[in-house]
Protein backbone atom coordinates (compact mmCIF):
# COMPACT_ATOMS: atom_id res chain seq x y z
CA MET A 1 0.00 0.00 0.00
CA GLY A 2 1.55 3.31 -1.01
CA ARG A 3 1.49 6.42 1.09
CA PRO A 4 -1.59 8.51 0.23
CA ARG A 5 -1.12 12.06 -1.05
CA GLU A 6 -1.59 14.81 1.54
CA PRO A 7 -4.77 16.88 1.06
CA ALA A 8 -4.30 20.52 0.13
CA ALA A 9 -4.51 23.09 2.89
CA GLY A 10 -8.10 23.93 3.70
CA ALA A 11 -9.51 21.12 1.57
CA GLN A 12 -12.44 19.14 2.94
CA GLN A 13 -12.39 15.38 2.71
CA ASP A 14 -15.16 13.77 0.60
CA PRO A 15 -17.52 11.98 3.03
CA GLU A 16 -17.85 9.09 0.56
CA ASN A 17 -21.45 8.03 1.02
CA GLY A 18 -21.71 8.80 4.69
CA SER A 19 -18.46 7.17 5.81
CA ARG A 20 -17.84 7.30 9.53
CA ARG A 21 -14.32 8.66 9.17
CA PRO A 22 -13.38 12.06 10.63
CA THR A 23 -12.28 15.03 8.55
CA HIS A 24 -9.49 17.33 9.63
CA ASP A 25 -7.99 20.66 8.69
CA PRO A 26 -4.37 20.05 7.65
CA ARG A 27 -3.48 23.61 8.63
CA GLN A 28 -4.32 22.85 12.27
CA GLY A 29 -4.41 19.07 12.43
CA LEU A 30 -7.54 19.19 14.60
CA LEU A 31 -10.70 17.15 14.70
CA PRO A 32 -13.77 19.33 14.10
CA GLY A 33 -14.79 21.25 17.17
CA ARG A 34 -11.51 20.74 19.05
CA GLU A 35 -9.59 23.55 20.64
CA PRO A 36 -6.09 24.30 19.36
CA ARG A 37 -3.25 22.57 21.18
CA ARG A 38 -1.23 24.55 23.71
CA PRO A 39 -1.16 28.15 22.38
CA ARG A 40 2.07 30.11 22.80
CA ARG A 41 2.27 31.84 26.18
CA ALA A 42 1.57 35.58 26.24
CA GLY A 43 4.69 37.56 25.50
CA ALA A 44 6.55 34.60 24.07
CA SER A 45 8.21 35.07 20.70
CA ARG A 46 10.39 33.08 18.40
CA ALA A 47 14.11 33.47 18.99
CA ARG A 48 15.87 35.50 16.27
CA PRO A 49 18.55 33.46 14.50
CA PRO A 50 22.14 34.72 14.91
CA GLU A 51 23.70 36.75 12.14
CA ARG A 52 25.75 34.84 9.58
CA GLY A 53 29.26 34.19 10.87
CA LYS A 54 28.35 34.84 14.51
CA VAL A 55 27.65 32.35 17.28
CA SER A 56 24.80 33.15 19.65
CA ARG A 57 25.72 32.51 23.29
CA SER A 58 22.63 34.05 24.84
CA PRO A 59 21.23 31.99 27.73
CA ALA A 60 17.78 32.70 26.30
CA SER A 61 18.45 30.64 23.16
CA PRO A 62 15.95 27.80 22.86
CA VAL A 63 17.20 24.35 23.81
CA PRO A 64 16.20 21.61 21.34
CA LYS A 65 13.78 19.12 22.82
CA ALA A 66 14.93 15.54 23.16
CA GLY A 67 13.31 12.15 23.58
CA PHE A 68 9.54 12.00 23.79
CA ALA A 69 9.28 15.74 24.41
CA ARG A 70 10.05 16.50 20.77
CA LEU A 71 6.97 14.54 19.67
CA GLY A 72 4.60 17.15 21.16
CA LEU A 73 3.41 15.28 24.27
CA GLY A 74 2.30 17.38 27.23
CA PRO A 75 3.95 17.59 30.68
CA ALA A 76 1.58 15.19 32.47
CA VAL A 77 2.15 12.37 30.00
CA LEU A 78 5.89 13.08 29.78
CA ARG A 79 6.16 12.67 33.55
CA ALA A 80 4.40 9.31 33.33
CA VAL A 81 6.71 8.30 30.46
CA ALA A 82 9.77 9.13 32.55
CA ASP A 83 8.37 7.29 35.58
CA ALA A 84 7.77 4.22 33.39
CA GLY A 85 11.45 4.21 32.43
CA TYR A 86 11.01 5.13 28.75
CA ARG A 87 13.99 7.10 27.48
CA ALA A 88 13.78 7.44 23.70
CA PRO A 89 10.90 6.79 21.29
CA ARG A 90 10.99 3.71 19.08
CA PRO A 91 10.64 4.20 15.30
CA ILE A 92 6.92 3.35 15.20
CA GLN A 93 6.31 5.83 18.03
CA GLU A 94 8.37 8.58 16.47
CA ARG A 95 6.58 8.23 13.15
CA THR A 96 2.98 7.99 14.42
CA ILE A 97 2.61 9.96 17.68
CA PRO A 98 2.70 13.47 16.14
CA ALA A 99 0.04 12.50 13.58
CA VAL A 100 -2.23 10.98 16.24
CA LEU A 101 -1.89 14.12 18.33
CA ARG A 102 -3.10 16.15 15.35
CA GLY A 103 -6.19 13.97 15.06
CA ARG A 104 -5.16 12.17 11.90
CA ASP A 105 -6.07 8.58 11.05
CA VAL A 106 -3.07 6.23 11.09
CA LEU A 107 -2.28 2.84 9.62
CA GLY A 108 0.76 1.46 11.45
CA LEU A 109 2.47 -1.70 10.19
CA ALA A 110 5.26 -3.00 12.37
CA ARG A 111 6.47 -6.33 13.66
CA THR A 112 5.66 -7.41 17.18
CA GLY A 113 7.82 -6.07 19.99
CA THR A 114 8.39 -2.69 18.35
CA GLY A 115 6.42 -0.49 20.76
CA LYS A 116 3.07 -0.28 18.96
CA THR A 117 1.00 -0.05 22.16
CA ALA A 118 2.74 3.09 23.39
CA ALA A 119 2.49 4.51 19.86
CA PHE A 120 -1.26 4.87 20.29
CA ALA A 121 -1.60 4.96 24.09
CA LEU A 122 0.59 8.02 24.63
CA PRO A 123 -1.13 10.41 22.20
CA ILE A 124 -4.59 9.19 23.23
CA LEU A 125 -3.84 9.88 26.88
CA ASP A 126 -2.32 13.24 26.02
CA ARG A 127 -5.43 14.34 24.16
CA LEU A 128 -7.73 13.09 26.92
CA THR A 129 -5.86 15.22 29.49
CA GLU A 130 -6.43 18.38 27.45
CA ARG A 131 -10.21 18.32 27.70
CA ARG A 132 -11.99 16.37 30.41
CA ALA A 133 -15.41 14.92 29.63
CA PRO A 134 -17.50 11.88 30.57
CA GLY A 135 -16.31 8.67 29.01
CA PRO A 136 -15.65 6.34 27.46
CA ARG A 137 -13.91 8.48 24.86
CA ALA A 138 -11.36 5.99 23.50
CA LEU A 139 -12.01 2.37 22.53
CA VAL A 140 -9.25 -0.18 21.88
CA LEU A 141 -10.24 -3.53 20.35
CA ALA A 142 -7.89 -6.50 20.82
CA PRO A 143 -8.28 -10.11 19.65
CA THR A 144 -7.38 -11.94 22.88
CA ARG A 145 -8.00 -11.54 26.59
CA GLU A 146 -4.29 -11.66 27.37
CA LEU A 147 -3.52 -8.88 24.92
CA ALA A 148 -6.44 -6.76 26.14
CA ALA A 149 -5.24 -7.06 29.74
CA GLN A 150 -1.70 -6.19 28.66
CA ILE A 151 -2.82 -3.10 26.73
CA ALA A 152 -4.96 -1.93 29.65
CA GLY A 153 -2.00 -2.37 31.98
CA GLU A 154 0.17 -0.19 29.78
CA PHE A 155 -2.54 2.48 29.59
CA ARG A 156 -2.73 2.51 33.39
CA THR A 157 1.04 2.75 33.72
CA LEU A 158 1.28 5.65 31.27
CA ALA A 159 -1.74 7.43 32.83
CA ARG A 160 -0.33 7.58 36.35
CA GLY A 161 -0.79 11.02 37.82
CA THR A 162 -3.28 12.11 35.14
CA GLY A 163 -6.48 10.90 36.81
CA LEU A 164 -7.52 9.06 33.64
CA ARG A 165 -9.17 5.65 34.09
CA THR A 166 -9.12 2.51 31.96
CA ALA A 167 -11.59 -0.38 32.00
CA THR A 168 -11.31 -3.83 30.42
CA VAL A 169 -14.13 -5.80 28.79
CA PHE A 170 -13.59 -9.44 27.78
CA GLY A 171 -15.09 -12.87 28.34
CA GLY A 172 -13.96 -15.74 30.50
CA VAL A 173 -14.39 -13.74 33.72
CA PRO A 174 -17.47 -12.46 35.61
CA GLU A 175 -19.12 -9.54 33.85
CA ARG A 176 -20.41 -7.75 36.95
CA PRO A 177 -17.12 -5.94 37.80
CA GLN A 178 -16.77 -4.89 34.17
CA ILE A 179 -20.32 -3.50 34.09
CA ALA A 180 -19.63 -1.58 37.30
CA ALA A 181 -16.45 -0.12 35.81
CA LEU A 182 -18.34 0.97 32.68
CA ARG A 183 -20.98 2.71 34.79
CA GLY A 184 -18.15 4.80 36.24
CA GLN A 185 -17.61 6.31 32.75
CA PRO A 186 -13.93 5.41 32.30
CA ASP A 187 -11.91 7.41 29.82
CA VAL A 188 -10.56 4.37 27.94
CA VAL A 189 -12.14 0.97 27.30
CA VAL A 190 -9.96 -1.94 26.12
CA ALA A 191 -12.17 -4.76 24.90
CA CYS A 192 -12.45 -8.00 23.01
CA PRO A 193 -15.22 -7.91 20.41
CA GLY A 194 -17.39 -10.76 21.78
CA ARG A 195 -18.05 -9.49 25.31
CA LEU A 196 -18.32 -5.90 24.09
CA LEU A 197 -21.04 -6.82 21.59
CA ASP A 198 -22.89 -8.75 24.27
CA LEU A 199 -22.92 -5.75 26.63
CA LEU A 200 -23.76 -3.42 23.75
CA GLY A 201 -26.78 -5.54 22.81
CA ARG A 202 -28.02 -5.33 26.39
CA ARG A 203 -27.40 -1.56 26.52
CA LEU A 204 -24.86 -1.93 29.30
CA VAL A 205 -22.17 0.02 27.48
CA ARG A 206 -22.46 3.35 25.68
CA LEU A 207 -20.22 4.15 22.73
CA GLU A 208 -21.71 7.41 21.45
CA ARG A 209 -18.92 9.46 23.09
CA ILE A 210 -16.04 7.55 21.46
CA GLU A 211 -13.61 9.97 19.82
CA THR A 212 -10.77 7.55 18.98
CA LEU A 213 -10.98 3.91 17.92
CA VAL A 214 -7.94 1.61 17.88
CA LEU A 215 -7.83 -1.80 16.23
CA ASP A 216 -4.73 -3.55 17.55
CA GLU A 217 -3.38 -6.75 15.94
CA ALA A 218 -5.99 -6.30 13.21
CA ASP A 219 -4.64 -9.22 11.18
CA HIS A 220 -5.23 -11.55 14.12
CA MET A 221 -8.81 -10.22 14.32
CA PHE A 222 -9.27 -11.62 10.84
CA ASP A 223 -7.50 -14.90 11.67
CA MET A 224 -9.89 -15.47 14.56
CA GLY A 225 -13.01 -14.60 12.56
CA PHE A 226 -13.72 -11.34 14.38
CA LEU A 227 -14.16 -9.05 11.38
CA PRO A 228 -17.99 -9.39 11.30
CA ASP A 229 -18.08 -8.47 15.00
CA VAL A 230 -15.74 -5.55 14.36
CA ARG A 231 -18.01 -4.23 11.62
CA ARG A 232 -21.01 -4.38 13.97
CA ILE A 233 -19.08 -2.40 16.57
CA LEU A 234 -18.06 0.18 13.96
CA ALA A 235 -21.73 0.69 13.12
CA ALA A 236 -22.44 1.60 16.75
CA LEU A 237 -19.72 4.29 16.94
CA PRO A 238 -20.04 7.99 16.11
CA ALA A 239 -19.42 8.80 12.45
CA ARG A 240 -16.93 11.52 13.34
CA ARG A 241 -14.04 9.92 15.12
CA GLN A 242 -10.33 9.21 14.75
CA ASN A 243 -9.35 5.70 13.60
CA LEU A 244 -6.03 4.00 14.31
CA LEU A 245 -5.27 0.57 12.87
CA PHE A 246 -2.14 -1.33 13.90
CA SER A 247 -1.08 -4.66 12.48
CA ALA A 248 2.04 -6.75 11.98
CA THR A 249 0.93 -8.01 8.57
CA MET A 250 -1.47 -6.75 5.92
CA PRO A 251 -3.54 -9.55 4.36
CA ARG A 252 -6.04 -8.61 1.67
CA GLU A 253 -9.03 -8.58 4.05
CA ILE A 254 -7.36 -6.15 6.46
CA ARG A 255 -6.34 -3.91 3.57
CA ALA A 256 -10.00 -3.77 2.49
CA LEU A 257 -11.08 -2.93 6.06
CA ALA A 258 -8.46 -0.17 6.27
CA ASP A 259 -9.63 1.31 2.96
CA ARG A 260 -13.21 1.55 4.27
CA MET A 261 -12.36 2.66 7.78
CA LEU A 262 -9.51 5.17 7.43
CA ARG A 263 -9.77 8.65 5.92
CA GLY A 264 -6.56 10.05 4.40
CA PRO A 265 -4.40 8.09 6.84
CA LEU A 266 -0.73 8.44 7.55
CA VAL A 267 0.69 5.05 6.52
CA VAL A 268 3.77 3.91 8.42
CA ASP A 269 5.15 0.60 7.18
CA LEU A 270 8.14 -0.74 9.10
CA THR A 271 7.67 -4.35 7.99
CA ARG A 272 9.42 -4.15 4.62
CA GLY A 273 12.41 -6.40 4.12
CA GLY A 274 12.98 -9.87 5.50
CA ARG A 275 15.67 -9.16 8.05
CA LEU A 276 14.72 -9.78 11.65
CA GLU A 277 17.43 -7.64 13.16
CA THR A 278 17.36 -8.84 16.75
CA ILE A 279 16.35 -12.48 16.19
CA GLU A 280 18.72 -15.30 15.33
CA HIS A 281 16.44 -17.88 13.74
CA ALA A 282 16.92 -21.26 12.09
CA ILE A 283 15.08 -24.31 10.81
CA VAL A 284 15.98 -27.57 12.58
CA PRO A 285 15.27 -30.53 10.23
CA VAL A 286 13.98 -33.37 12.41
CA GLU A 287 12.01 -36.61 12.35
CA GLU A 288 8.68 -36.40 14.19
CA ARG A 289 9.78 -39.02 16.72
CA ALA A 290 12.99 -37.07 17.48
CA LYS A 291 11.37 -33.71 18.24
CA ARG A 292 11.57 -34.11 21.99
CA THR A 293 15.29 -34.92 21.85
CA ALA A 294 15.92 -31.88 19.65
CA LEU A 295 13.90 -29.69 22.03
CA ASP A 296 15.95 -30.82 25.04
CA ARG A 297 19.19 -30.00 23.22
CA LEU A 298 17.98 -26.52 22.28
CA LEU A 299 16.83 -25.79 25.83
CA ALA A 300 20.25 -26.86 27.13
CA GLU A 301 22.29 -24.51 24.97
CA PRO A 302 24.33 -21.70 26.55
CA GLY A 303 22.47 -18.45 27.07
CA PHE A 304 19.08 -20.04 27.74
CA ALA A 305 17.00 -18.00 30.20
CA SER A 306 13.37 -18.66 29.31
CA ALA A 307 11.44 -19.98 26.35
CA ILE A 308 8.05 -20.06 24.71
CA VAL A 309 7.45 -23.41 22.99
CA PHE A 310 4.63 -23.40 20.44
CA THR A 311 2.54 -26.46 19.61
CA ARG A 312 -0.22 -27.01 17.07
CA THR A 313 -2.90 -28.35 19.44
CA LYS A 314 -4.16 -27.74 22.95
CA HIS A 315 -3.71 -31.40 23.88
CA ARG A 316 -0.10 -31.37 22.75
CA ALA A 317 0.60 -28.20 24.74
CA ARG A 318 -0.76 -29.81 27.93
CA ARG A 319 1.12 -33.06 27.35
CA LEU A 320 4.44 -31.43 26.48
CA ALA A 321 4.27 -29.08 29.50
CA HIS A 322 3.62 -32.11 31.72
CA GLN A 323 6.52 -34.03 30.19
CA LEU A 324 8.91 -31.13 30.68
CA SER A 325 7.77 -30.72 34.29
CA GLU A 326 8.31 -34.43 34.91
CA ALA A 327 11.84 -34.02 33.54
CA GLY A 328 12.60 -31.33 36.11
CA ARG A 329 11.86 -28.23 34.03
CA ARG A 330 9.69 -25.43 35.40
CA ALA A 331 7.10 -25.54 32.61
CA VAL A 332 3.47 -24.48 32.32
CA ALA A 333 0.89 -24.71 29.53
CA LEU A 334 -1.17 -21.88 28.05
CA GLN A 335 -4.05 -22.91 25.82
CA GLY A 336 -7.64 -22.01 25.06
CA ASN A 337 -9.40 -24.61 27.19
CA MET A 338 -7.96 -23.15 30.39
CA SER A 339 -10.10 -20.82 32.48
CA GLN A 340 -9.18 -17.16 32.46
CA SER A 341 -7.90 -17.39 36.03
CA ALA A 342 -5.66 -20.35 35.11
CA ARG A 343 -4.37 -18.53 32.06
CA GLY A 344 -3.68 -15.48 34.19
CA ARG A 345 -1.72 -17.56 36.70
CA ALA A 346 0.31 -19.13 33.90
CA MET A 347 1.23 -15.76 32.42
CA ARG A 348 2.06 -14.23 35.81
CA GLY A 349 4.21 -17.22 36.67
CA PHE A 350 6.08 -16.97 33.38
CA ARG A 351 6.61 -13.24 33.77
CA ASP A 352 7.99 -13.53 37.32
CA ARG A 353 10.13 -16.56 36.34
CA THR A 354 8.24 -19.02 38.53
CA TYR A 355 8.15 -20.92 35.23
CA GLU A 356 11.02 -20.89 32.76
CA ILE A 357 9.11 -22.49 29.88
CA LEU A 358 5.67 -21.55 28.55
CA VAL A 359 4.19 -24.22 26.26
CA ALA A 360 1.52 -22.48 24.24
CA THR A 361 -0.81 -22.67 21.29
CA ASP A 362 -1.10 -19.66 19.00
CA ILE A 363 -3.30 -17.92 21.56
CA ALA A 364 -0.08 -16.49 23.01
CA ALA A 365 1.56 -15.69 19.68
CA ARG A 366 0.07 -12.25 19.16
CA GLY A 367 0.91 -9.16 21.11
CA ILE A 368 1.91 -10.72 24.42
CA ASP A 369 4.98 -8.88 25.67
CA VAL A 370 7.11 -10.76 28.21
CA PRO A 371 10.56 -9.22 28.64
CA GLY A 372 13.67 -11.35 28.61
CA VAL A 373 12.43 -14.35 26.60
CA SER A 374 15.69 -15.75 25.24
CA HIS A 375 14.24 -18.52 23.06
CA VAL A 376 11.18 -19.27 20.96
CA ILE A 377 10.88 -22.85 19.74
CA ASN A 378 8.25 -23.94 17.25
CA PHE A 379 7.73 -27.55 18.32
CA ASP A 380 5.23 -27.72 15.44
CA MET A 381 5.53 -25.73 12.23
CA PRO A 382 3.23 -22.67 12.15
CA GLY A 383 0.26 -22.85 9.81
CA THR A 384 1.00 -19.64 7.88
CA PRO A 385 4.01 -17.42 7.14
CA GLU A 386 2.35 -14.66 9.17
CA ALA A 387 2.06 -16.99 12.17
CA TYR A 388 5.78 -17.71 11.87
CA THR A 389 6.56 -14.00 12.08
CA HIS A 390 4.28 -13.50 15.06
CA ARG A 391 5.55 -16.54 16.94
CA ILE A 392 9.24 -15.77 16.68
CA GLY A 393 8.47 -12.15 17.53
CA ARG A 394 8.00 -13.22 21.16
CA THR A 395 11.80 -13.02 21.50
CA GLY A 396 14.21 -10.29 20.40
CA ARG A 397 11.83 -7.63 21.72
CA SER A 398 12.55 -3.99 22.52
CA GLY A 399 15.98 -4.10 20.93
CA CYS A 400 17.16 -7.19 22.85
CA ASP A 401 18.59 -10.24 21.08
CA GLY A 402 16.82 -13.59 20.97
CA LYS A 403 16.89 -16.99 19.28
CA ALA A 404 14.08 -18.77 17.46
CA TYR A 405 14.18 -22.37 16.23
CA THR A 406 11.58 -24.27 14.23
CA LEU A 407 11.49 -28.07 14.33
CA ALA A 408 10.49 -29.02 10.79
CA THR A 409 9.79 -32.47 9.36
CA ARG A 410 9.84 -33.38 5.66
CA ASP A 411 6.07 -32.79 5.60
CA ASP A 412 6.72 -29.15 6.55
CA SER A 413 8.99 -28.40 3.58
CA GLU A 414 6.28 -26.61 1.60
CA MET A 415 5.45 -24.29 4.52
CA VAL A 416 9.17 -23.64 5.08
CA ALA A 417 9.42 -22.51 1.45
CA ARG A 418 6.38 -20.22 1.88
CA VAL A 419 7.91 -18.62 4.97
CA GLU A 420 11.19 -18.02 3.15
CA ARG A 421 9.33 -16.39 0.25
CA ARG A 422 7.48 -14.18 2.72
CA LEU A 423 10.74 -13.12 4.40
CA GLY A 424 12.55 -12.74 1.10
CA THR A 425 15.57 -14.66 2.34
CA PRO A 426 16.52 -18.28 3.05
CA ILE A 427 16.34 -19.43 6.66
CA PRO A 428 19.52 -21.18 7.82
CA ARG A 429 19.29 -24.89 8.69
CA LEU A 430 20.63 -26.15 12.00
CA ARG A 431 21.43 -29.83 12.48
CA THR A 432 21.34 -31.35 15.98
CA GLU A 433 22.76 -34.83 16.50
CA GLY A 434 20.18 -37.58 16.57
CA ALA A 435 17.40 -35.42 15.16
CA GLY A 436 17.52 -36.54 11.49
CA PRO A 437 16.31 -36.59 8.79
CA GLY A 438 18.60 -37.75 5.99
CA ARG A 439 22.29 -37.44 5.35
CA ASP A 440 24.07 -34.15 5.90
CA ARG A 441 27.08 -32.61 4.33
CA SER A 442 29.80 -31.95 6.81
CA GLY A 443 30.65 -28.32 7.23
CA PRO A 444 31.05 -25.43 9.64
CA ALA A 445 28.20 -24.34 11.91
CA LEU A 446 25.66 -22.18 10.16
CA ARG A 447 25.03 -18.69 11.40
CA SER A 448 21.29 -18.47 11.78
CA ARG A 449 20.92 -14.74 11.36
CA PRO A 450 20.64 -13.03 7.98
CA ARG A 451 23.05 -10.26 8.94
CA GLY A 452 25.46 -12.52 10.86
CA SER A 453 25.14 -14.50 14.05
CA ARG A 454 26.63 -14.35 17.48
CA SER A 455 26.16 -18.02 18.26
CA ARG A 456 27.16 -21.36 16.80
CA GLY A 457 23.77 -22.82 17.70
CA ALA A 458 22.73 -25.76 19.85
CA GLY A 459 24.78 -28.92 20.03
CA LYS A 460 26.88 -29.76 16.99
CA ALA A 461 25.48 -27.85 14.03
CA ARG A 462 26.03 -28.84 10.41
CA ARG A 463 24.69 -27.80 7.05
CA SER A 464 21.48 -29.50 6.01
CA ARG A 465 20.26 -30.33 2.51
CA TRP A 466 16.81 -28.68 2.92
């Protein structure tokens, strides 16, 4: 998708048959009816530049803003940013925050672990602090309960000291506390589509005050069949609102949704190119019966701290977690048949290192941010190239390095080829002794990172034929 042309100053956007997208004045960057942002203080004037050939040493010379301050965020949010330990904006934040502050629609494409949540949370909170009003005024839709809880937690962290409140709405837990929170008119609601539609149908949530809508992990919404629910929610929102859509991939269906939903958006695409700069990843050719042996070798390699191991089925996740626990590993399963409280305990235990291994189905592959995960191991090959990207994105987050290995049988060769085409580069093969399949050519250890590797891999690594 190419970047759309900027509208001319003063031009009005065509409503296109009653579309619910907001218009904005490019000269001011404001939603209709909003007050201008932070007018210059009385008596303040622009500093006069020094004459050519002279150096100005006046103490009154303006000091260039640094870090998040240069993005236009206000003092209250900047204090919360500093308290949260954020020092410098990530690329997705630097590219999108100023546009969101101006009220513009944004389509943000970036791989997982790149700071997408703060990219929309910070400007939303900043705008909510400027003009107080009954809520909810911002709605964030997420595909999974775990991701919704994580997003709400980040909103609360970044809203400390502002008085802004966030409520969560998702299934699997009692609805009464959520209904009570909604009656308190929170400023931000983070929701999964199913529970939100249920409460909307019973008139227990009001959405007519929503000013900003965020669809996070929009591609996963489609994967899980949520797009019809999303469209029903869109129909219940005010026509004049800001829309922000964030996704790690852009399948055809999400592109069509973006075209209908966004008006003259800023498009920021940081997904181009196949290099995964902070992730050392490799394919491990293996016989099905030897997967467990290969897994043990990978978990025993130097530098292991914690791992997410992905399986294809819920039953396999439960069984593998039990087997690893019986072998003395601190492992726990995370899969869809678990109650929300059990899933919450598993995630908390993995975050605080009570467990060192999380054995999960794809429910945990999108958006979950656990710092310090050193390894991701695909015990079963992902079902799509996009799932591969999302799974291995659980490591190498926030600029840290990580390793990702995929145990692939001969039956997986077609999917391996599809993933390589999607990445635009071959994935190195890593051979572990006793894993098979087939004969291997002897040779030096492969470096499993497109730009060069730091590690020789697990066990004795050799070149593989496929």
